Structures are given as C-alpha cells and as structure tokens.
Amino acid sequence: MAEDTPTPGAPLLPDASSMPGGAVLAVQDLVKTYRLGDEVVWALNGVSLSIEAGQLVAIMGASGSGKSTLLHLAGGLDLPDSGRVIVEGKDLSSMSDRQRTLFRRRRMGIIFQAYNLLPTLTAAENVAVPLLVDGTPTTEIQKRVEQAIQVVHLEKRMQHRPQALSGGEQQRVAIARALLNDPAVVLADEPTGNLDSVQAEEIWKLLRKLAHELGKTVLMVTHEAAAASYADRAYVLKDGRLVGTIEEMEPGNAALVAARYTQLAG
C-alpha cells in the first residue's frame, strides 16, 4: 500500500500553483439501493458530479434524498451497487477494505455533525489522534498539531478539554483534526447542525477558507440554505437523483438559495 498511498505530512498551506488540475473528487453514475422488507429503496439512482481543488461544494436535499449516502460513498465508508468514486485518480471500489481505510485516513478528512471528541483529552490531544494511530514521531506530531490549530484559530484554547469549549470551538477542533494529514478532500456531514447561527456562520466561513485559501476540495452536506450560500455551487438531490445545480450564490444570502432550491426540488 505504501507505493499506492501518498505519505501524509505535506505542508498545510501548499503553493496554489502546485495544486493538481482537473477533478480531485468525481462520482460517476452512482447507484445505491437498500432493502426495506420486500421493497427496494433507491438511495442513489445514477448520480454523477465532480469537484476541483479549491472548491467548496454543497449537497442539498430533504431527509431521504440520498445526500448522506452520497457523502458516505464519496468517503469510501460504503460501496455503491454500481458506479465509481474517483479521488485523486484512484477508484475507491478497486481497493481492499484496508486500503480504503488507509487512503481515507491519509488523503481525506471527515467532519461530522457530532464533534466526536474524546472528553478526557485536550483540544491539542484530540487533534493529534490520527497521527498517534499512524505511529508518527512525537516531534512531527507537535509541529503539525500546532499548524492545524493555527488554521482554525484556537491557539489560546488548545490545552482545554471539550467540556470547557463552546460547540463552535469543539467543531473547530474536529476540523483541525480532519486537516492534520493535509487531505486532498474534506467531507463535512451537516457540520453546523448542533450550532447556533453565529457559530454556524463561523464554520461556514472556515470551510470556505479551506477551499479558497488552502486549496482543499470540500464537499458539504446540508439542508440549510444559509450554509449552501457559502459554497461555490450546490447540487440538489431529490429521491436519489440529481435534479439541478445552484450557482452564482452570495455568501449569507439564504433567501436566494432557498428560492432556487424550491424551484428545483419542488
């Protein structure tokens, strides 16, 4: 696997000129079904999209539209019935379970609605967990944890445990942890679902910064028009199908996104 998976540890702030051209993440004709008794439920039915480096893209849809299923497939957490997920030119379906796990840990960062922080660890220690699992030398861990903490502006809170942090601060710790291996792709599953409007806006701006300033490819699942307004574009899912795209959005203009979403999703 060593020759197949890029070694983690590249700088968190790459030279924009060195970023690869073309799609970093692409899904092609994804189909995913589930059985509910005798009924077959189509979670995804032929969905295709692509995202380039430096783009923040939102996936919008009602509950049951397939948006979370799409995110799980994009992260290799599940496999499609048919179709392909390509990340940095690699087909996730062609990998073994272990290869997908290593690739996800080293080239992808995942942010969940729940912060998934260990309560007995400080913010810095929580950020360090992926490198501890990888057996990274202590001096390298310290350097990279400090870099990641700086990106999310938590330098003054890095020795605090989760219970002493606000919800927004806890989510920023989770984002720093997702950035630790300098991933090519960052996946965010309803990342502000537990936050108030002020803290949520801070997270949306941070995700936009990851894309536009750090060159990350960011895919965010959300049901909030305000969240999607910070994206470069939003794909709208309905009943497992891609029904349209919202573009030319204005950050913070939730009304504009909501109106376009209603037109597409009905």
C-alpha atoms as a PDB file:
ATOM      1  CA  MET A   1       0.000   0.000   0.000  1.00  0.00           C
ATOM      2  CA  ALA A   2       2.938   2.323   0.629  1.00  0.00           C
ATOM      3  CA  GLU A   3       3.535   2.892  -3.038  1.00  0.00           C
ATOM      4  CA  ASP A   4      -0.176   3.456  -3.678  1.00  0.00           C
ATOM      5  CA  THR A   5      -0.950   5.935  -0.897  1.00  0.00           C
ATOM      6  CA  PRO A   6       0.738   9.353  -0.654  1.00  0.00           C
ATOM      7  CA  THR A   7       2.703   9.815   2.551  1.00  0.00           C
ATOM      8  CA  PRO A   8       0.979  12.245   4.923  1.00  0.00           C
ATOM      9  CA  GLY A   9       2.711  15.291   6.256  1.00  0.00           C
ATOM     10  CA  ALA A  10       2.870  17.810   3.409  1.00  0.00           C
ATOM     11  CA  PRO A  11       2.532  21.467   4.468  1.00  0.00           C
ATOM     12  CA  LEU A  12      -0.972  22.636   5.366  1.00  0.00           C
ATOM     13  CA  LEU A  13      -0.525  25.692   3.129  1.00  0.00           C
ATOM     14  CA  PRO A  14       0.527  24.411  -0.325  1.00  0.00           C
ATOM     15  CA  ASP A  15       1.605  26.685  -3.142  1.00  0.00           C
ATOM     16  CA  ALA A  16      -1.549  27.230  -5.207  1.00  0.00           C
ATOM     17  CA  SER A  17       0.486  26.740  -8.388  1.00  0.00           C
ATOM     18  CA  SER A  18       1.272  23.170  -7.324  1.00  0.00           C
ATOM     19  CA  MET A  19      -2.360  22.122  -6.980  1.00  0.00           C
ATOM     20  CA  PRO A  20      -3.448  19.467  -9.488  1.00  0.00           C
ATOM     21  CA  GLY A  21      -5.698  20.439 -12.352  1.00  0.00           C
ATOM     22  CA  GLY A  22      -8.998  18.745 -13.115  1.00  0.00           C
ATOM     23  CA  ALA A  23     -11.337  16.982 -10.715  1.00  0.00           C
ATOM     24  CA  VAL A  24      -9.914  15.852  -7.391  1.00  0.00           C
ATOM     25  CA  LEU A  25     -13.181  14.105  -6.479  1.00  0.00           C
ATOM     26  CA  ALA A  26     -15.538  12.621  -9.054  1.00  0.00           C
ATOM     27  CA  VAL A  27     -18.508  10.297  -8.719  1.00  0.00           C
ATOM     28  CA  GLN A  28     -19.792   8.576 -11.834  1.00  0.00           C
ATOM     29  CA  ASP A  29     -23.264   7.051 -12.240  1.00  0.00           C
ATOM     30  CA  LEU A  30     -23.563   6.064  -8.583  1.00  0.00           C
ATOM     31  CA  VAL A  31     -26.331   3.626  -7.723  1.00  0.00           C
ATOM     32  CA  LYS A  32     -27.072   2.506  -4.171  1.00  0.00           C
ATOM     33  CA  THR A  33     -30.121   0.540  -3.058  1.00  0.00           C
ATOM     34  CA  TYR A  34     -31.321  -0.827   0.262  1.00  0.00           C
ATOM     35  CA  ARG A  35     -33.946  -3.398   1.124  1.00  0.00           C
ATOM     36  CA  LEU A  36     -36.800  -2.421   3.407  1.00  0.00           C
ATOM     37  CA  GLY A  37     -38.684  -5.671   3.856  1.00  0.00           C
ATOM     38  CA  ASP A  38     -39.742  -6.699   0.349  1.00  0.00           C
ATOM     39  CA  GLU A  39     -39.264  -3.186  -1.003  1.00  0.00           C
ATOM     40  CA  VAL A  40     -36.133  -1.929  -2.761  1.00  0.00           C
ATOM     41  CA  VAL A  41     -35.287   1.662  -1.788  1.00  0.00           C
ATOM     42  CA  TRP A  42     -33.185   3.649  -4.269  1.00  0.00           C
ATOM     43  CA  ALA A  43     -30.925   5.795  -2.117  1.00  0.00           C
ATOM     44  CA  LEU A  44     -28.988   6.971  -5.193  1.00  0.00           C
ATOM     45  CA  ASN A  45     -30.001   6.450  -8.797  1.00  0.00           C
ATOM     46  CA  GLY A  46     -27.325   7.407 -11.337  1.00  0.00           C
ATOM     47  CA  VAL A  47     -25.695  10.410  -9.636  1.00  0.00           C
ATOM     48  CA  SER A  48     -22.616  11.998 -11.242  1.00  0.00           C
ATOM     49  CA  LEU A  49     -20.661  15.091 -10.226  1.00  0.00           C
ATOM     50  CA  SER A  50     -17.091  16.340  -9.936  1.00  0.00           C
ATOM     51  CA  ILE A  51     -15.216  18.833  -7.775  1.00  0.00           C
ATOM     52  CA  GLU A  52     -11.895  20.522  -8.459  1.00  0.00           C
ATOM     53  CA  ALA A  53      -9.240  21.646  -6.000  1.00  0.00           C
ATOM     54  CA  GLY A  54     -10.085  24.897  -4.257  1.00  0.00           C
ATOM     55  CA  GLN A  55     -13.862  24.443  -4.468  1.00  0.00           C
ATOM     56  CA  LEU A  56     -16.452  24.256  -1.698  1.00  0.00           C
ATOM     57  CA  VAL A  57     -19.478  22.370  -2.974  1.00  0.00           C
ATOM     58  CA  ALA A  58     -22.725  21.750  -1.105  1.00  0.00           C
ATOM     59  CA  ILE A  59     -25.141  18.843  -1.460  1.00  0.00           C
ATOM     60  CA  MET A  60     -28.712  19.854  -0.617  1.00  0.00           C
ATOM     61  CA  GLY A  61     -31.821  17.765  -0.260  1.00  0.00           C
ATOM     62  CA  ALA A  62     -34.648  16.808   2.042  1.00  0.00           C
ATOM     63  CA  SER A  63     -34.367  13.934   4.501  1.00  0.00           C
ATOM     64  CA  GLY A  64     -34.196  10.713   2.477  1.00  0.00           C
ATOM     65  CA  SER A  65     -32.954  12.432  -0.688  1.00  0.00           C
ATOM     66  CA  GLY A  66     -29.681  10.477  -0.653  1.00  0.00           C
ATOM     67  CA  LYS A  67     -27.295  13.260   0.346  1.00  0.00           C
ATOM     68  CA  SER A  68     -25.757  11.446   3.337  1.00  0.00           C
ATOM     69  CA  THR A  69     -25.485   8.251   1.317  1.00  0.00           C
ATOM     70  CA  LEU A  70     -23.589  10.189  -1.349  1.00  0.00           C
ATOM     71  CA  LEU A  71     -21.179  11.568   1.252  1.00  0.00           C
ATOM     72  CA  HIS A  72     -20.558   8.109   2.731  1.00  0.00           C
ATOM     73  CA  LEU A  73     -19.804   6.693  -0.717  1.00  0.00           C
ATOM     74  CA  ALA A  74     -17.540   9.645  -1.546  1.00  0.00           C
ATOM     75  CA  GLY A  75     -15.555   8.900   1.606  1.00  0.00           C
ATOM     76  CA  GLY A  76     -15.301   5.174   0.986  1.00  0.00           C
ATOM     77  CA  LEU A  77     -17.309   4.476   4.146  1.00  0.00           C
ATOM     78  CA  ASP A  78     -19.654   2.378   2.000  1.00  0.00           C
ATOM     79  CA  LEU A  79     -19.531   0.987  -1.534  1.00  0.00           C
ATOM     80  CA  PRO A  80     -22.030   1.626  -4.364  1.00  0.00           C
ATOM     81  CA  ASP A  81     -24.003  -1.106  -6.089  1.00  0.00           C
ATOM     82  CA  SER A  82     -22.616   0.304  -9.323  1.00  0.00           C
ATOM     83  CA  GLY A  83     -20.740   3.370 -10.486  1.00  0.00           C
ATOM     84  CA  ARG A  84     -17.387   4.726  -9.339  1.00  0.00           C
ATOM     85  CA  VAL A  85     -15.895   7.147  -6.820  1.00  0.00           C
ATOM     86  CA  ILE A  86     -12.564   8.573  -8.004  1.00  0.00           C
ATOM     87  CA  VAL A  87     -10.332  10.502  -5.584  1.00  0.00           C
ATOM     88  CA  GLU A  88      -7.016  11.836  -6.901  1.00  0.00           C
ATOM     89  CA  GLY A  89      -7.332   9.454  -9.825  1.00  0.00           C
ATOM     90  CA  LYS A  90      -7.875   6.384  -7.615  1.00  0.00           C
ATOM     91  CA  ASP A  91     -11.022   4.253  -7.798  1.00  0.00           C
ATOM     92  CA  LEU A  92     -12.115   3.552  -4.218  1.00  0.00           C
ATOM     93  CA  SER A  93     -14.078   0.469  -5.302  1.00  0.00           C
ATOM     94  CA  SER A  94     -10.914  -1.181  -6.605  1.00  0.00           C
ATOM     95  CA  MET A  95      -9.269  -1.005  -3.162  1.00  0.00           C
ATOM     96  CA  SER A  96      -9.477  -3.569  -0.371  1.00  0.00           C
ATOM     97  CA  ASP A  97     -11.151  -2.551   2.895  1.00  0.00           C
ATOM     98  CA  ARG A  98      -7.734  -1.968   4.468  1.00  0.00           C
ATOM     99  CA  GLN A  99      -6.512   0.097   1.509  1.00  0.00           C
ATOM    100  CA  ARG A 100      -9.641   2.263   1.647  1.00  0.00           C
ATOM    101  CA  THR A 101      -9.184   2.771   5.383  1.00  0.00           C
ATOM    102  CA  LEU A 102      -5.570   3.867   4.945  1.00  0.00           C
ATOM    103  CA  PHE A 103      -6.373   6.058   1.961  1.00  0.00           C
ATOM    104  CA  ARG A 104      -9.227   7.743   3.808  1.00  0.00           C
ATOM    105  CA  ARG A 105      -7.060   8.316   6.889  1.00  0.00           C
ATOM    106  CA  ARG A 106      -4.200   9.801   4.892  1.00  0.00           C
ATOM    107  CA  ARG A 107      -5.866  11.629   1.988  1.00  0.00           C
ATOM    108  CA  MET A 108      -9.354  12.508   3.252  1.00  0.00           C
ATOM    109  CA  GLY A 109     -10.682  14.461   6.219  1.00  0.00           C
ATOM    110  CA  ILE A 110     -14.203  13.857   7.527  1.00  0.00           C
ATOM    111  CA  ILE A 111     -16.200  16.244   9.731  1.00  0.00           C
ATOM    112  CA  PHE A 112     -19.450  15.081  11.333  1.00  0.00           C
ATOM    113  CA  GLN A 113     -22.342  16.925  12.968  1.00  0.00           C
ATOM    114  CA  ALA A 114     -21.276  15.352  16.287  1.00  0.00           C
ATOM    115  CA  TYR A 115     -17.784  16.522  17.111  1.00  0.00           C
ATOM    116  CA  ASN A 116     -16.573  13.042  18.190  1.00  0.00           C
ATOM    117  CA  LEU A 117     -14.006  14.419  20.637  1.00  0.00           C
ATOM    118  CA  LEU A 118     -12.611  12.338  23.500  1.00  0.00           C
ATOM    119  CA  PRO A 119     -13.675  14.088  26.728  1.00  0.00           C
ATOM    120  CA  THR A 120     -10.516  13.219  28.693  1.00  0.00           C
ATOM    121  CA  LEU A 121      -8.167  14.732  26.094  1.00  0.00           C
ATOM    122  CA  THR A 122      -7.301  18.389  25.486  1.00  0.00           C
ATOM    123  CA  ALA A 123      -8.087  20.054  22.168  1.00  0.00           C
ATOM    124  CA  ALA A 124      -4.489  19.533  21.024  1.00  0.00           C
ATOM    125  CA  GLU A 125      -4.518  15.875  22.077  1.00  0.00           C
ATOM    126  CA  ASN A 126      -7.813  15.295  20.235  1.00  0.00           C
ATOM    127  CA  VAL A 127      -6.320  16.807  17.084  1.00  0.00           C
ATOM    128  CA  ALA A 128      -3.259  14.535  17.417  1.00  0.00           C
ATOM    129  CA  VAL A 129      -5.204  11.252  17.496  1.00  0.00           C
ATOM    130  CA  PRO A 130      -4.883  10.375  13.760  1.00  0.00           C
ATOM    131  CA  LEU A 131      -1.096  10.793  13.891  1.00  0.00           C
ATOM    132  CA  LEU A 132      -0.844   8.701  17.048  1.00  0.00           C
ATOM    133  CA  VAL A 133      -2.723   5.917  15.235  1.00  0.00           C
ATOM    134  CA  ASP A 134      -0.274   6.226  12.331  1.00  0.00           C
ATOM    135  CA  GLY A 135       2.750   5.991  14.639  1.00  0.00           C
ATOM    136  CA  THR A 136       4.111   9.420  13.678  1.00  0.00           C
ATOM    137  CA  PRO A 137       7.154  10.644  15.684  1.00  0.00           C
ATOM    138  CA  THR A 138       6.287  12.907  18.633  1.00  0.00           C
ATOM    139  CA  THR A 139       8.191  15.937  17.323  1.00  0.00           C
ATOM    140  CA  GLU A 140       6.368  15.730  13.990  1.00  0.00           C
ATOM    141  CA  ILE A 141       3.016  15.378  15.763  1.00  0.00           C
ATOM    142  CA  GLN A 142       3.589  18.530  17.804  1.00  0.00           C
ATOM    143  CA  LYS A 143       4.548  20.584  14.739  1.00  0.00           C
ATOM    144  CA  ARG A 144       1.582  19.510  12.678  1.00  0.00           C
ATOM    145  CA  VAL A 145      -0.923  19.833  15.515  1.00  0.00           C
ATOM    146  CA  GLU A 146       0.199  23.421  16.062  1.00  0.00           C
ATOM    147  CA  GLN A 147      -0.178  24.131  12.331  1.00  0.00           C
ATOM    148  CA  ALA A 148      -3.703  22.708  12.252  1.00  0.00           C
ATOM    149  CA  ILE A 149      -4.738  24.568  15.422  1.00  0.00           C
ATOM    150  CA  GLN A 150      -3.499  27.827  13.869  1.00  0.00           C
ATOM    151  CA  VAL A 151      -5.631  27.285  10.769  1.00  0.00           C
ATOM    152  CA  VAL A 152      -8.803  27.142  12.901  1.00  0.00           C
ATOM    153  CA  HIS A 153      -7.653  29.957  15.245  1.00  0.00           C
ATOM    154  CA  LEU A 154      -7.710  28.021  18.513  1.00  0.00           C
ATOM    155  CA  GLU A 155      -4.163  28.656  19.731  1.00  0.00           C
ATOM    156  CA  LYS A 156      -5.407  30.036  23.068  1.00  0.00           C
ATOM    157  CA  ARG A 157      -7.757  27.081  23.655  1.00  0.00           C
ATOM    158  CA  MET A 158      -5.586  24.124  22.654  1.00  0.00           C
ATOM    159  CA  GLN A 159      -4.998  22.950  26.254  1.00  0.00           C
ATOM    160  CA  HIS A 160      -8.701  22.990  27.143  1.00  0.00           C
ATOM    161  CA  ARG A 161     -10.812  19.834  27.287  1.00  0.00           C
ATOM    162  CA  PRO A 162     -14.076  19.631  25.280  1.00  0.00           C
ATOM    163  CA  GLN A 163     -16.314  20.460  28.260  1.00  0.00           C
ATOM    164  CA  ALA A 164     -14.578  23.849  28.546  1.00  0.00           C
ATOM    165  CA  LEU A 165     -15.144  24.661  24.860  1.00  0.00           C
ATOM    166  CA  SER A 166     -18.218  26.044  23.104  1.00  0.00           C
ATOM    167  CA  GLY A 167     -19.909  23.979  20.415  1.00  0.00           C
ATOM    168  CA  GLY A 168     -18.301  26.072  17.701  1.00  0.00           C
ATOM    169  CA  GLU A 169     -14.868  25.641  19.276  1.00  0.00           C
ATOM    170  CA  GLN A 170     -15.376  21.887  19.525  1.00  0.00           C
ATOM    171  CA  GLN A 171     -16.260  21.738  15.838  1.00  0.00           C
ATOM    172  CA  ARG A 172     -13.142  23.740  15.004  1.00  0.00           C
ATOM    173  CA  VAL A 173     -11.097  21.161  16.917  1.00  0.00           C
ATOM    174  CA  ALA A 174     -12.751  18.470  14.782  1.00  0.00           C
ATOM    175  CA  ILE A 175     -11.896  20.441  11.640  1.00  0.00           C
ATOM    176  CA  ALA A 176      -8.262  20.788  12.749  1.00  0.00           C
ATOM    177  CA  ARG A 177      -8.163  17.024  13.291  1.00  0.00           C
ATOM    178  CA  ALA A 178      -9.561  16.471   9.790  1.00  0.00           C
ATOM    179  CA  LEU A 179      -6.793  18.687   8.360  1.00  0.00           C
ATOM    180  CA  LEU A 180      -3.930  17.012  10.193  1.00  0.00           C
ATOM    181  CA  ASN A 181      -2.764  14.799   7.327  1.00  0.00           C
ATOM    182  CA  ASP A 182      -3.177  17.589   4.759  1.00  0.00           C
ATOM    183  CA  PRO A 183      -6.021  15.746   2.992  1.00  0.00           C
ATOM    184  CA  ALA A 184      -6.878  16.305  -0.645  1.00  0.00           C
ATOM    185  CA  VAL A 185     -10.608  16.083   0.137  1.00  0.00           C
ATOM    186  CA  VAL A 186     -12.581  17.301   3.157  1.00  0.00           C
ATOM    187  CA  LEU A 187     -16.088  15.875   3.652  1.00  0.00           C
ATOM    188  CA  ALA A 188     -18.486  17.650   6.020  1.00  0.00           C
ATOM    189  CA  ASP A 189     -21.760  16.000   7.050  1.00  0.00           C
ATOM    190  CA  GLU A 190     -24.177  18.656   8.400  1.00  0.00           C
ATOM    191  CA  PRO A 191     -21.234  20.265  10.246  1.00  0.00           C
ATOM    192  CA  THR A 192     -23.294  23.026  11.892  1.00  0.00           C
ATOM    193  CA  GLY A 193     -26.404  21.073  12.814  1.00  0.00           C
ATOM    194  CA  ASN A 194     -25.691  21.460  16.547  1.00  0.00           C
ATOM    195  CA  LEU A 195     -24.660  25.133  16.470  1.00  0.00           C
ATOM    196  CA  ASP A 196     -26.433  28.467  16.792  1.00  0.00           C
ATOM    197  CA  SER A 197     -26.482  30.852  13.840  1.00  0.00           C
ATOM    198  CA  VAL A 198     -23.426  32.866  14.906  1.00  0.00           C
ATOM    199  CA  GLN A 199     -21.198  29.842  15.487  1.00  0.00           C
ATOM    200  CA  ALA A 200     -22.551  28.172  12.350  1.00  0.00           C
ATOM    201  CA  GLU A 201     -21.576  31.136  10.191  1.00  0.00           C
ATOM    202  CA  GLU A 202     -18.026  30.990  11.573  1.00  0.00           C
ATOM    203  CA  ILE A 203     -17.780  27.336  10.494  1.00  0.00           C
ATOM    204  CA  TRP A 204     -19.160  28.073   7.002  1.00  0.00           C
ATOM    205  CA  LYS A 205     -16.588  30.827   6.559  1.00  0.00           C
ATOM    206  CA  LEU A 206     -13.849  28.479   7.762  1.00  0.00           C
ATOM    207  CA  LEU A 207     -14.846  25.768   5.273  1.00  0.00           C
ATOM    208  CA  ARG A 208     -14.834  28.378   2.512  1.00  0.00           C
ATOM    209  CA  LYS A 209     -11.329  29.402   3.629  1.00  0.00           C
ATOM    210  CA  LEU A 210     -10.140  25.786   3.457  1.00  0.00           C
ATOM    211  CA  ALA A 211     -11.189  25.662  -0.179  1.00  0.00           C
ATOM    212  CA  HIS A 212     -10.282  29.135  -1.418  1.00  0.00           C
ATOM    213  CA  GLU A 213      -7.105  29.777   0.580  1.00  0.00           C
ATOM    214  CA  LEU A 214      -5.738  26.299   1.331  1.00  0.00           C
ATOM    215  CA  GLY A 215      -6.795  24.736  -1.972  1.00  0.00           C
ATOM    216  CA  LYS A 216      -8.830  21.924  -0.407  1.00  0.00           C
ATOM    217  CA  THR A 217     -11.647  20.151  -2.185  1.00  0.00           C
ATOM    218  CA  VAL A 218     -14.563  20.472   0.257  1.00  0.00           C
ATOM    219  CA  LEU A 219     -17.872  18.619  -0.068  1.00  0.00           C
ATOM    220  CA  MET A 220     -20.526  19.618   2.487  1.00  0.00           C
ATOM    221  CA  VAL A 221     -23.907  18.007   3.011  1.00  0.00           C
ATOM    222  CA  THR A 222     -26.500  20.413   4.373  1.00  0.00           C
ATOM    223  CA  HIS A 223     -30.215  21.088   4.471  1.00  0.00           C
ATOM    224  CA  GLU A 224     -29.629  24.757   5.309  1.00  0.00           C
ATOM    225  CA  ALA A 225     -29.863  27.364   2.557  1.00  0.00           C
ATOM    226  CA  ALA A 226     -27.647  29.704   4.599  1.00  0.00           C
ATOM    227  CA  ALA A 227     -24.891  27.076   4.723  1.00  0.00           C
ATOM    228  CA  ALA A 228     -25.129  26.338   0.998  1.00  0.00           C
ATOM    229  CA  SER A 229     -24.857  30.051   0.188  1.00  0.00           C
ATOM    230  CA  TYR A 230     -21.170  29.944   1.212  1.00  0.00           C
ATOM    231  CA  ALA A 231     -20.425  27.243  -1.370  1.00  0.00           C
ATOM    232  CA  ASP A 232     -19.234  27.801  -4.921  1.00  0.00           C
ATOM    233  CA  ARG A 233     -22.194  25.767  -6.097  1.00  0.00           C
ATOM    234  CA  ALA A 234     -24.817  23.433  -4.668  1.00  0.00           C
ATOM    235  CA  TYR A 235     -26.090  20.185  -6.136  1.00  0.00           C
ATOM    236  CA  VAL A 236     -29.730  19.403  -5.321  1.00  0.00           C
ATOM    237  CA  LEU A 237     -30.839  15.802  -4.760  1.00  0.00           C
ATOM    238  CA  LYS A 238     -34.391  14.524  -4.739  1.00  0.00           C
ATOM    239  CA  ASP A 239     -35.374  10.867  -4.317  1.00  0.00           C
ATOM    240  CA  GLY A 240     -31.831   9.742  -5.066  1.00  0.00           C
ATOM    241  CA  ARG A 241     -31.466  11.728  -8.275  1.00  0.00           C
ATOM    242  CA  LEU A 242     -29.573  14.908  -9.082  1.00  0.00           C
ATOM    243  CA  VAL A 243     -32.272  17.383 -10.125  1.00  0.00           C
ATOM    244  CA  GLY A 244     -30.236  20.541 -10.611  1.00  0.00           C
ATOM    245  CA  THR A 245     -27.393  22.826  -9.625  1.00  0.00           C
ATOM    246  CA  ILE A 246     -27.432  26.221  -7.906  1.00  0.00           C
ATOM    247  CA  GLU A 247     -24.586  28.555  -8.903  1.00  0.00           C
ATOM    248  CA  GLU A 248     -23.578  32.225  -8.607  1.00  0.00           C
ATOM    249  CA  MET A 249     -24.514  32.394  -4.937  1.00  0.00           C
ATOM    250  CA  GLU A 250     -23.818  35.190  -2.482  1.00  0.00           C
ATOM    251  CA  PRO A 251     -22.373  34.183   0.919  1.00  0.00           C
ATOM    252  CA  GLY A 252     -25.051  34.697   3.556  1.00  0.00           C
ATOM    253  CA  ASN A 253     -27.902  35.156   1.048  1.00  0.00           C
ATOM    254  CA  ALA A 254     -30.050  32.286   2.269  1.00  0.00           C
ATOM    255  CA  ALA A 255     -33.213  33.637   0.623  1.00  0.00           C
ATOM    256  CA  LEU A 256     -31.681  33.424  -2.858  1.00  0.00           C
ATOM    257  CA  VAL A 257     -30.556  29.825  -2.335  1.00  0.00           C
ATOM    258  CA  ALA A 258     -33.873  28.821  -0.757  1.00  0.00           C
ATOM    259  CA  ALA A 259     -35.826  30.198  -3.717  1.00  0.00           C
ATOM    260  CA  ARG A 260     -33.675  28.343  -6.243  1.00  0.00           C
ATOM    261  CA  TYR A 261     -33.791  25.162  -4.175  1.00  0.00           C
ATOM    262  CA  THR A 262     -37.605  25.292  -4.103  1.00  0.00           C
ATOM    263  CA  GLN A 263     -37.700  25.670  -7.888  1.00  0.00           C
ATOM    264  CA  LEU A 264     -35.533  22.580  -8.335  1.00  0.00           C
ATOM    265  CA  ALA A 265     -36.760  20.270  -5.590  1.00  0.00           C
ATOM    266  CA  GLY A 266     -40.391  21.350  -5.658  1.00  0.00           C
END
